[in-house]
């Protein structure tokens, strides 16, 4: 699976579990995930490298317990689990 396919699958999964995705230019300073007006939002820095955008989504998804109840392709699950100990919790 190439990075673009991985990115698209992670975006779809994030939407499936209730995240709103905002792809915005942040001059490569990174993105983040937060709760904003009652919505879970992932800010994706479109100026960042694709792998960093992938990592941002994977980190946010690693904090979602419902992921365990959804079928996720093994290579996607592995990436999410790799990010499980980093970042803030929801």
C-alpha atoms as a PDB file:
ATOM      1  CA  UNK A   1       0.000   0.000   0.000  1.00  0.00           C
ATOM      2  CA  UNK A   2       1.469   3.361  -0.953  1.00  0.00           C
ATOM      3  CA  UNK A   3       1.345   6.472   1.245  1.00  0.00           C
ATOM      4  CA  UNK A   4      -1.523   8.072  -0.678  1.00  0.00           C
ATOM      5  CA  UNK A   5      -3.730   4.984  -0.255  1.00  0.00           C
ATOM      6  CA  UNK A   6      -2.798   4.786   3.414  1.00  0.00           C
ATOM      7  CA  UNK A   7      -3.664   8.457   3.892  1.00  0.00           C
ATOM      8  CA  UNK A   8      -7.056   8.028   2.216  1.00  0.00           C
ATOM      9  CA  UNK A   9      -7.911   4.943   4.287  1.00  0.00           C
ATOM     10  CA  UNK A  10      -6.971   6.696   7.523  1.00  0.00           C
ATOM     11  CA  UNK A  11      -9.077   9.718   6.554  1.00  0.00           C
ATOM     12  CA  UNK A  12     -12.066   7.473   5.818  1.00  0.00           C
ATOM     13  CA  UNK A  13     -11.634   5.652   9.123  1.00  0.00           C
ATOM     14  CA  UNK A  14     -11.385   8.935  11.040  1.00  0.00           C
ATOM     15  CA  UNK A  15     -14.630  10.126   9.486  1.00  0.00           C
ATOM     16  CA  UNK A  16     -16.267   6.776  10.243  1.00  0.00           C
ATOM     17  CA  UNK A  17     -15.534   7.157  13.977  1.00  0.00           C
ATOM     18  CA  UNK A  18     -16.787  10.731  14.060  1.00  0.00           C
ATOM     19  CA  UNK A  19     -13.810  12.993  13.434  1.00  0.00           C
ATOM     20  CA  UNK A  20     -14.160  16.082  11.311  1.00  0.00           C
ATOM     21  CA  UNK A  21     -11.062  16.564   9.155  1.00  0.00           C
ATOM     22  CA  UNK A  22      -9.818  20.014   8.293  1.00  0.00           C
ATOM     23  CA  UNK A  23      -7.022  20.175   5.779  1.00  0.00           C
ATOM     24  CA  UNK A  24      -5.474  23.610   6.131  1.00  0.00           C
ATOM     25  CA  UNK A  25      -2.147  25.268   5.275  1.00  0.00           C
ATOM     26  CA  UNK A  26      -0.141  25.698   8.481  1.00  0.00           C
ATOM     27  CA  UNK A  27       3.274  26.376   6.921  1.00  0.00           C
ATOM     28  CA  UNK A  28       4.625  22.978   7.931  1.00  0.00           C
ATOM     29  CA  UNK A  29       4.175  23.646  11.655  1.00  0.00           C
ATOM     30  CA  UNK A  30       2.061  20.512  12.067  1.00  0.00           C
ATOM     31  CA  UNK A  31      -1.556  19.871  12.826  1.00  0.00           C
ATOM     32  CA  UNK A  32      -3.358  18.418  15.761  1.00  0.00           C
ATOM     33  CA  UNK A  33      -6.555  16.998  17.093  1.00  0.00           C
ATOM     34  CA  UNK A  34      -8.940  18.514  19.583  1.00  0.00           C
ATOM     35  CA  UNK A  35     -12.527  18.838  20.678  1.00  0.00           C
ATOM     36  CA  UNK A  36     -14.018  22.005  19.189  1.00  0.00           C
ATOM     37  CA  UNK A  37     -17.583  23.058  20.003  1.00  0.00           C
ATOM     38  CA  UNK A  38     -18.516  19.473  20.815  1.00  0.00           C
ATOM     39  CA  UNK A  39     -16.880  17.979  17.704  1.00  0.00           C
ATOM     40  CA  UNK A  40     -13.719  15.924  17.428  1.00  0.00           C
ATOM     41  CA  UNK A  41     -11.536  17.666  14.857  1.00  0.00           C
ATOM     42  CA  UNK A  42      -8.245  16.724  13.267  1.00  0.00           C
ATOM     43  CA  UNK A  43      -6.341  19.630  11.720  1.00  0.00           C
ATOM     44  CA  UNK A  44      -4.107  18.339   8.937  1.00  0.00           C
ATOM     45  CA  UNK A  45      -1.318  20.636   7.776  1.00  0.00           C
ATOM     46  CA  UNK A  46      -1.351  20.388   3.977  1.00  0.00           C
ATOM     47  CA  UNK A  47       2.085  22.036   3.908  1.00  0.00           C
ATOM     48  CA  UNK A  48       3.522  19.093   5.846  1.00  0.00           C
ATOM     49  CA  UNK A  49       4.953  15.922   4.295  1.00  0.00           C
ATOM     50  CA  UNK A  50       2.372  13.216   3.558  1.00  0.00           C
ATOM     51  CA  UNK A  51       3.928  10.880   6.142  1.00  0.00           C
ATOM     52  CA  UNK A  52       3.445  13.547   8.826  1.00  0.00           C
ATOM     53  CA  UNK A  53      -0.191  13.941   7.807  1.00  0.00           C
ATOM     54  CA  UNK A  54      -0.578  10.161   8.077  1.00  0.00           C
ATOM     55  CA  UNK A  55       1.024  10.204  11.518  1.00  0.00           C
ATOM     56  CA  UNK A  56      -1.324  12.959  12.712  1.00  0.00           C
ATOM     57  CA  UNK A  57      -4.431  10.960  11.795  1.00  0.00           C
ATOM     58  CA  UNK A  58      -2.987   7.724  13.210  1.00  0.00           C
ATOM     59  CA  UNK A  59      -2.165   9.460  16.494  1.00  0.00           C
ATOM     60  CA  UNK A  60      -5.714  10.803  16.812  1.00  0.00           C
ATOM     61  CA  UNK A  61      -7.210   7.399  15.988  1.00  0.00           C
ATOM     62  CA  UNK A  62      -5.011   5.676  18.553  1.00  0.00           C
ATOM     63  CA  UNK A  63      -7.072   7.422  21.253  1.00  0.00           C
ATOM     64  CA  UNK A  64     -10.411   6.087  20.030  1.00  0.00           C
ATOM     65  CA  UNK A  65     -11.474   2.905  21.862  1.00  0.00           C
ATOM     66  CA  UNK A  66     -14.219   2.209  19.279  1.00  0.00           C
ATOM     67  CA  UNK A  67     -11.493   1.341  16.758  1.00  0.00           C
ATOM     68  CA  UNK A  68     -11.261  -2.065  18.434  1.00  0.00           C
ATOM     69  CA  UNK A  69     -14.856  -2.815  17.391  1.00  0.00           C
ATOM     70  CA  UNK A  70     -14.372  -1.930  13.711  1.00  0.00           C
ATOM     71  CA  UNK A  71     -12.679  -4.048  11.070  1.00  0.00           C
ATOM     72  CA  UNK A  72      -9.476  -2.276  10.119  1.00  0.00           C
ATOM     73  CA  UNK A  73      -6.971  -3.739   7.684  1.00  0.00           C
ATOM     74  CA  UNK A  74      -3.992  -5.148   9.592  1.00  0.00           C
ATOM     75  CA  UNK A  75      -1.453  -2.715   8.104  1.00  0.00           C
ATOM     76  CA  UNK A  76      -3.669   0.237   9.059  1.00  0.00           C
ATOM     77  CA  UNK A  77      -4.248  -1.114  12.575  1.00  0.00           C
ATOM     78  CA  UNK A  78      -0.489  -1.579  13.014  1.00  0.00           C
ATOM     79  CA  UNK A  79       0.163   2.073  12.172  1.00  0.00           C
ATOM     80  CA  UNK A  80      -2.545   3.240  14.565  1.00  0.00           C
ATOM     81  CA  UNK A  81      -1.258   1.023  17.379  1.00  0.00           C
ATOM     82  CA  UNK A  82       2.292   2.308  16.805  1.00  0.00           C
ATOM     83  CA  UNK A  83       1.003   5.773  17.772  1.00  0.00           C
ATOM     84  CA  UNK A  84      -0.906   4.515  20.808  1.00  0.00           C
ATOM     85  CA  UNK A  85       1.443   5.871  23.462  1.00  0.00           C
ATOM     86  CA  UNK A  86       1.916   9.344  22.003  1.00  0.00           C
ATOM     87  CA  UNK A  87      -0.150  12.487  22.245  1.00  0.00           C
ATOM     88  CA  UNK A  88      -3.070  13.629  24.377  1.00  0.00           C
ATOM     89  CA  UNK A  89      -6.032  11.432  25.132  1.00  0.00           C
ATOM     90  CA  UNK A  90      -9.633  12.264  24.401  1.00  0.00           C
END
